[in-house]
Amino acid sequence: MGEQEDNLITPAVCVYHDNQKYSIEVELPGVEKEDIDFQISENWFCLKAPKENELFSGCWVLAHNIRPEMAKAKFENGLLSILVPIEEIAVEGMKIRVG
């Protein structure tokens, strides 16, 4: 196994949404834009991004279906930002009382 594979890092990710779009932010300090492998589907996204002898890597599932073909991404100062429209909001969940 190579050094990069030995040093896997799950990046810090912030995912939030309103009724129209998801905003996804991924911290990738020290990564070059051209080295980012970002993939997105109707209800998940995955990324890999090498940095020296480390590899940022992870996959996440989204609660609502999105329109991946309309996703827009930018990378500035180590922060990957993605905006993607929501296709449909899932049925609201049941509220549970926390005791």
Protein backbone atom coordinates (compact mmCIF):
# COMPACT_ATOMS: atom_id res chain seq x y z
CA MET A 1 0.00 0.00 0.00
CA GLY A 2 1.34 3.46 -0.93
CA GLU A 3 1.94 6.28 1.53
CA GLN A 4 -1.02 8.24 0.18
CA GLU A 5 -3.34 5.31 0.88
CA ASP A 6 -1.92 5.04 4.41
CA ASN A 7 -2.77 8.68 5.16
CA LEU A 8 -6.48 8.95 4.34
CA ILE A 9 -8.21 12.03 5.74
CA THR A 10 -11.94 12.66 5.84
CA PRO A 11 -12.26 16.36 5.07
CA ALA A 12 -14.40 18.76 7.08
CA VAL A 13 -17.71 19.10 5.22
CA CYS A 14 -20.67 21.42 5.79
CA VAL A 15 -23.93 20.54 4.01
CA TYR A 16 -27.03 22.68 4.35
CA HIS A 17 -30.11 23.41 2.24
CA ASP A 18 -33.27 25.39 1.86
CA ASN A 19 -36.30 24.28 -0.19
CA GLN A 20 -34.52 25.04 -3.48
CA LYS A 21 -30.83 24.13 -3.27
CA TYR A 22 -28.05 22.40 -1.39
CA SER A 23 -24.91 24.28 -0.44
CA ILE A 24 -21.93 22.01 0.15
CA GLU A 25 -18.57 23.22 1.46
CA VAL A 26 -15.51 21.01 1.76
CA GLU A 27 -12.24 22.12 3.38
CA LEU A 28 -9.25 20.95 1.31
CA PRO A 29 -6.21 22.91 2.56
CA GLY A 30 -3.07 22.49 0.49
CA VAL A 31 -4.87 20.83 -2.44
CA GLU A 32 -4.49 21.99 -6.06
CA LYS A 33 -7.76 22.62 -7.94
CA GLU A 34 -6.79 20.35 -10.84
CA ASP A 35 -6.23 17.41 -8.44
CA ILE A 36 -9.81 17.38 -7.10
CA ASP A 37 -11.93 14.42 -8.22
CA PHE A 38 -15.53 15.35 -7.33
CA GLN A 39 -18.49 13.20 -8.38
CA ILE A 40 -22.17 13.82 -7.69
CA SER A 41 -25.36 11.86 -8.33
CA GLU A 42 -29.07 12.28 -7.57
CA ASN A 43 -28.57 11.67 -3.84
CA TRP A 44 -24.85 11.42 -3.01
CA PHE A 45 -21.44 12.96 -3.64
CA CYS A 46 -17.89 11.65 -3.34
CA LEU A 47 -14.49 13.26 -3.59
CA LYS A 48 -10.81 12.45 -3.63
CA ALA A 49 -8.10 15.07 -3.47
CA PRO A 50 -4.39 14.34 -2.94
CA LYS A 51 -2.11 16.58 -0.90
CA GLU A 52 1.58 15.70 -0.59
CA ASN A 53 1.56 12.22 1.01
CA GLU A 54 -2.08 12.41 2.14
CA LEU A 55 -5.43 11.81 0.45
CA PHE A 56 -8.64 13.63 1.36
CA SER A 57 -11.43 11.17 0.61
CA GLY A 58 -15.07 10.59 1.46
CA CYS A 59 -18.64 9.97 0.28
CA TRP A 60 -21.84 11.47 1.67
CA VAL A 61 -25.55 10.76 1.18
CA LEU A 62 -28.08 13.57 0.75
CA ALA A 63 -31.59 13.48 2.23
CA HIS A 64 -33.26 15.01 -0.84
CA ASN A 65 -32.86 14.22 -4.55
CA ILE A 66 -30.90 16.84 -6.46
CA ARG A 67 -30.27 17.80 -10.09
CA PRO A 68 -26.57 16.89 -10.44
CA GLU A 69 -26.38 18.13 -14.04
CA MET A 70 -27.00 21.66 -12.73
CA ALA A 71 -24.35 21.61 -9.99
CA LYS A 72 -21.87 24.50 -9.91
CA ALA A 73 -18.54 24.18 -8.12
CA LYS A 74 -15.71 26.59 -7.33
CA PHE A 75 -12.47 26.20 -5.41
CA GLU A 76 -10.81 29.14 -3.67
CA ASN A 77 -8.30 29.30 -0.82
CA GLY A 78 -8.66 25.61 0.08
CA LEU A 79 -12.48 25.66 0.13
CA LEU A 80 -14.54 23.69 -2.40
CA SER A 81 -18.06 25.17 -2.67
CA ILE A 82 -20.88 23.44 -4.54
CA LEU A 83 -24.40 24.71 -5.18
CA VAL A 84 -26.92 22.25 -6.61
CA PRO A 85 -30.70 22.57 -7.05
CA ILE A 86 -33.01 20.20 -5.19
CA GLU A 87 -35.21 18.08 -7.45
CA GLU A 88 -37.74 17.28 -4.75
CA ILE A 89 -37.95 17.61 -0.98
CA ALA A 90 -38.43 14.29 0.78
CA VAL A 91 -41.44 13.89 3.05
CA GLU A 92 -40.85 15.52 6.41
CA GLY A 93 -39.74 13.19 9.17
CA MET A 94 -41.41 12.55 12.49
CA LYS A 95 -40.43 14.83 15.37
CA ILE A 96 -39.04 12.89 18.35
CA ARG A 97 -39.05 14.34 21.86
CA VAL A 98 -35.60 14.26 23.41
CA GLY A 99 -35.81 13.48 27.11
